[in-house]
Amino acid sequence: MSNNIENTRLENSTYNVLSALGKEADFLYSTVDKYIQDAQKDGRQNLVELWNEIKRDKQKHLAKLRECLEKEAKDEKLTS
């Protein structure tokens, strides 16, 4: 049984990727669109553009984190 527990433990670096992935996804899917809407309502086109730029950057970050996590999972399978 202890062997199963050891197999499910995450290294700190893998946990960090998962944590960052969750934070990026949360911001991207639940927060940034609200900020864009608020800026649009206030007629602040400069802020709309800023938030859209940040959204694109976050999408890139999310994709990189997801790729990294997939690689980590594949590497873990190879070493198990």
Protein backbone atom coordinates (compact mmCIF):
# COMPACT_ATOMS: atom_id res chain seq x y z
CA MET A 1 0.00 0.00 0.00
CA SER A 2 2.81 2.43 0.77
CA ASN A 3 4.07 1.81 -2.76
CA ASN A 4 0.79 3.18 -4.16
CA ILE A 5 1.11 6.27 -1.98
CA GLU A 6 4.64 6.86 -3.22
CA ASN A 7 3.45 6.51 -6.84
CA THR A 8 0.81 9.21 -6.37
CA ARG A 9 3.14 11.77 -4.77
CA LEU A 10 3.95 14.79 -6.87
CA GLU A 11 7.32 16.41 -7.02
CA ASN A 12 7.27 20.06 -5.99
CA SER A 13 8.09 21.15 -9.53
CA THR A 14 5.16 19.17 -10.96
CA TYR A 15 2.85 20.55 -8.29
CA ASN A 16 4.02 24.05 -9.20
CA VAL A 17 3.08 23.48 -12.84
CA LEU A 18 -0.37 22.21 -11.80
CA SER A 19 -0.87 25.14 -9.45
CA ALA A 20 0.14 27.71 -12.07
CA LEU A 21 -2.07 25.98 -14.63
CA GLY A 22 -5.06 26.29 -12.31
CA LYS A 23 -4.40 29.95 -11.55
CA GLU A 24 -3.91 30.85 -15.20
CA ALA A 25 -7.07 28.96 -16.19
CA ASP A 26 -9.09 30.58 -13.41
CA PHE A 27 -8.03 34.06 -14.46
CA LEU A 28 -8.50 33.30 -18.14
CA TYR A 29 -11.91 31.66 -17.91
CA SER A 30 -13.57 33.52 -15.06
CA THR A 31 -11.93 36.91 -14.56
CA VAL A 32 -10.46 38.54 -17.64
CA ASP A 33 -13.72 38.58 -19.62
CA LYS A 34 -15.39 40.45 -16.74
CA TYR A 35 -12.57 43.01 -16.82
CA ILE A 36 -13.03 43.40 -20.58
CA GLN A 37 -16.79 43.88 -20.16
CA ASP A 38 -16.28 46.47 -17.41
CA ALA A 39 -13.83 48.42 -19.56
CA GLN A 40 -16.28 48.29 -22.49
CA LYS A 41 -19.14 49.56 -20.29
CA ASP A 42 -16.95 52.42 -19.10
CA GLY A 43 -15.93 53.26 -22.67
CA ARG A 44 -12.26 52.64 -21.88
CA GLN A 45 -11.01 51.23 -25.19
CA ASN A 46 -7.40 51.43 -24.03
CA LEU A 47 -8.27 49.07 -21.15
CA VAL A 48 -10.24 46.78 -23.45
CA GLU A 49 -7.15 46.47 -25.62
CA LEU A 50 -4.90 45.94 -22.60
CA TRP A 51 -7.10 43.20 -21.15
CA ASN A 52 -7.37 41.51 -24.55
CA GLU A 53 -3.58 41.56 -24.87
CA ILE A 54 -3.24 40.08 -21.38
CA LYS A 55 -5.85 37.45 -22.30
CA ARG A 56 -3.82 36.40 -25.37
CA ASP A 57 -0.67 36.22 -23.24
CA LYS A 58 -2.46 34.09 -20.63
CA GLN A 59 -3.70 31.76 -23.37
CA LYS A 60 -0.10 31.27 -24.50
CA HIS A 61 1.03 30.67 -20.91
CA LEU A 62 -1.77 28.17 -20.38
CA ALA A 63 -0.81 26.27 -23.54
CA LYS A 64 2.85 26.14 -22.45
CA LEU A 65 1.93 24.92 -18.97
CA ARG A 66 -0.37 22.26 -20.43
CA GLU A 67 2.39 21.08 -22.78
CA CYS A 68 4.82 20.96 -19.88
CA LEU A 69 2.40 18.94 -17.76
CA GLU A 70 1.81 16.49 -20.61
CA LYS A 71 5.58 16.04 -20.98
CA GLU A 72 5.96 15.55 -17.23
CA ALA A 73 3.25 12.87 -17.29
CA LYS A 74 4.90 11.06 -20.21
CA ASP A 75 8.32 11.25 -18.55
CA GLU A 76 6.85 9.90 -15.31
CA LYS A 77 5.32 6.93 -17.15
CA LEU A 78 8.68 6.15 -18.72
CA THR A 79 10.49 6.16 -15.37
CA SER A 80 7.82 4.20 -13.47
